[in-house]
Amino acid sequence: MAVDTAPDNHSDQAAASGLSIGKWLRTQSLAAMVLSLALSPLGATAAYSSLFGSLAAFIPAVFFAAIAGRKIGSSSAVFLQAAVVGEALKLLLTALICVAVFRWVDPLAPGWFFVGMIVVIMAGWVGLFRGLNSGN
């Protein structure tokens, strides 16, 4: 019985992508905290509204990363299936969080809620590109 000693490119690729995903999520969480703290002087409603908006984008992103991230390095069909399922779950979770926040959080500053969502999504792009460009 021969033992395969060839380097496993799939696991190397998955490990490198895991570092990129980690930077993506860390950048998003840092952006959410900085925005919330920056809005504190404007009042608690602005700060927690932006934080809820940030969470409405961040929590689904974590689920997407957990689902699709495990399949990086797999065959294209397996990864694509995981990405589609992850994206569908991400959209569903985003909608459910938005409905819950707008239904049960009162008072809420809707503008700051959406600013929080936008900032976290854009921070995710920055974190992802940083991770890809750094070679990790």
Protein backbone atom coordinates (compact mmCIF):
# COMPACT_ATOMS: atom_id res chain seq x y z
CA MET A 1 0.00 0.00 0.00
CA ALA A 2 1.58 3.29 -1.11
CA VAL A 3 1.31 6.42 0.95
CA ASP A 4 0.58 9.64 -0.91
CA THR A 5 3.19 12.19 0.13
CA ALA A 6 2.28 14.84 -2.46
CA PRO A 7 1.45 18.22 -1.00
CA ASP A 8 -2.24 18.75 -0.44
CA ASN A 9 -2.98 21.92 -2.40
CA HIS A 10 -6.63 21.84 -1.37
CA SER A 11 -5.83 22.11 2.34
CA ASP A 12 -3.22 24.83 1.68
CA GLN A 13 -5.77 26.76 -0.35
CA ALA A 14 -8.43 26.33 2.33
CA ALA A 15 -6.02 27.49 5.06
CA ALA A 16 -5.04 30.59 3.08
CA SER A 17 -8.70 31.34 2.35
CA GLY A 18 -9.51 30.86 6.03
CA LEU A 19 -7.07 33.65 6.85
CA SER A 20 -8.79 35.89 4.30
CA ILE A 21 -12.19 35.07 5.77
CA GLY A 22 -10.85 35.83 9.25
CA LYS A 23 -9.61 39.25 8.11
CA TRP A 24 -12.95 39.86 6.44
CA LEU A 25 -14.92 39.15 9.63
CA ARG A 26 -12.48 40.98 11.93
CA THR A 27 -12.62 44.07 9.74
CA GLN A 28 -16.41 43.98 9.80
CA SER A 29 -16.62 43.64 13.58
CA LEU A 30 -14.07 46.41 14.11
CA ALA A 31 -16.00 48.73 11.78
CA ALA A 32 -19.22 48.03 13.70
CA MET A 33 -17.62 48.87 17.04
CA VAL A 34 -15.89 52.01 15.76
CA LEU A 35 -19.09 53.30 14.16
CA SER A 36 -21.14 52.66 17.27
CA LEU A 37 -18.59 54.41 19.48
CA ALA A 38 -18.31 57.32 17.03
CA LEU A 39 -22.09 57.79 17.13
CA SER A 40 -22.26 57.73 20.94
CA PRO A 41 -22.02 61.53 21.23
CA LEU A 42 -25.13 61.80 19.04
CA GLY A 43 -27.09 59.73 21.53
CA ALA A 44 -27.75 56.18 22.54
CA THR A 45 -30.43 55.66 19.89
CA ALA A 46 -28.03 56.47 17.04
CA ALA A 47 -25.32 54.25 18.54
CA TYR A 48 -27.46 51.17 19.17
CA SER A 49 -29.36 51.62 15.89
CA SER A 50 -26.09 51.48 13.96
CA LEU A 51 -25.01 48.50 16.05
CA PHE A 52 -28.22 46.62 15.22
CA GLY A 53 -27.69 47.45 11.53
CA SER A 54 -24.12 46.24 11.78
CA LEU A 55 -25.30 42.99 13.36
CA ALA A 56 -27.92 42.57 10.63
CA ALA A 57 -25.04 42.42 8.14
CA PHE A 58 -22.40 40.72 10.32
CA ILE A 59 -24.32 37.75 11.74
CA PRO A 60 -25.45 36.49 8.31
CA ALA A 61 -21.87 36.96 7.02
CA VAL A 62 -20.60 34.68 9.79
CA PHE A 63 -23.09 31.99 8.78
CA PHE A 64 -22.11 32.36 5.12
CA ALA A 65 -18.43 32.04 6.03
CA ALA A 66 -19.15 28.94 8.12
CA ILE A 67 -21.06 27.25 5.31
CA ALA A 68 -19.06 28.26 2.23
CA GLY A 69 -15.69 28.55 3.95
CA ARG A 70 -15.60 24.85 4.80
CA LYS A 71 -15.90 23.96 1.13
CA ILE A 72 -13.02 26.12 -0.15
CA GLY A 73 -10.58 23.84 -1.92
CA SER A 74 -13.29 21.31 -2.78
CA SER A 75 -14.47 20.71 -6.29
CA SER A 76 -16.08 23.67 -8.03
CA ALA A 77 -19.53 22.07 -7.95
CA VAL A 78 -19.35 21.36 -4.21
CA PHE A 79 -18.12 24.87 -3.43
CA LEU A 80 -20.74 26.48 -5.67
CA GLN A 81 -23.51 24.51 -3.99
CA ALA A 82 -22.26 25.57 -0.55
CA ALA A 83 -21.97 29.19 -1.67
CA VAL A 84 -25.52 29.21 -3.02
CA VAL A 85 -26.91 27.66 0.18
CA GLY A 86 -24.82 30.06 2.28
CA GLU A 87 -25.98 33.10 0.30
CA ALA A 88 -29.64 32.05 0.54
CA LEU A 89 -29.27 31.60 4.30
CA LYS A 90 -27.49 34.96 4.53
CA LEU A 91 -30.33 36.74 2.74
CA LEU A 92 -32.96 35.00 4.88
CA LEU A 93 -31.14 35.84 8.13
CA THR A 94 -30.67 39.45 7.06
CA ALA A 95 -34.38 39.79 6.35
CA LEU A 96 -35.35 38.13 9.65
CA ILE A 97 -32.99 40.34 11.68
CA CYS A 98 -34.28 43.47 9.93
CA VAL A 99 -37.91 42.50 10.57
CA ALA A 100 -37.17 41.70 14.21
CA VAL A 101 -35.31 44.97 14.81
CA PHE A 102 -37.94 47.13 13.12
CA ARG A 103 -40.71 45.26 14.94
CA TRP A 104 -39.32 45.19 18.48
CA VAL A 105 -36.68 47.90 18.90
CA ASP A 106 -38.24 51.21 19.86
CA PRO A 107 -37.00 53.89 19.50
CA LEU A 108 -34.92 53.12 16.44
CA ALA A 109 -33.10 55.52 14.11
CA PRO A 110 -33.64 53.79 10.73
CA GLY A 111 -31.07 55.94 8.95
CA TRP A 112 -28.32 54.92 11.38
CA PHE A 113 -29.50 51.31 11.18
CA PHE A 114 -28.90 51.28 7.42
CA VAL A 115 -25.63 53.21 7.78
CA GLY A 116 -24.46 50.44 10.13
CA MET A 117 -25.38 47.80 7.56
CA ILE A 118 -23.63 49.64 4.73
CA VAL A 119 -20.48 50.34 6.74
CA VAL A 120 -20.13 46.69 7.79
CA ILE A 121 -20.72 45.40 4.26
CA MET A 122 -18.15 47.83 2.84
CA ALA A 123 -15.70 47.00 5.63
CA GLY A 124 -16.10 43.35 4.65
CA TRP A 125 -15.01 44.20 1.11
CA VAL A 126 -11.97 46.04 2.48
CA GLY A 127 -11.08 43.14 4.78
CA LEU A 128 -11.50 40.61 2.00
CA PHE A 129 -9.29 42.56 -0.41
CA ARG A 130 -6.70 43.11 2.33
CA GLY A 131 -6.61 39.38 2.94
CA LEU A 132 -6.33 38.55 -0.74
CA ASN A 133 -3.65 41.16 -1.45
CA SER A 134 -1.48 40.22 1.51
CA GLY A 135 -1.02 36.73 0.15
CA ASN A 136 -2.81 35.12 3.12
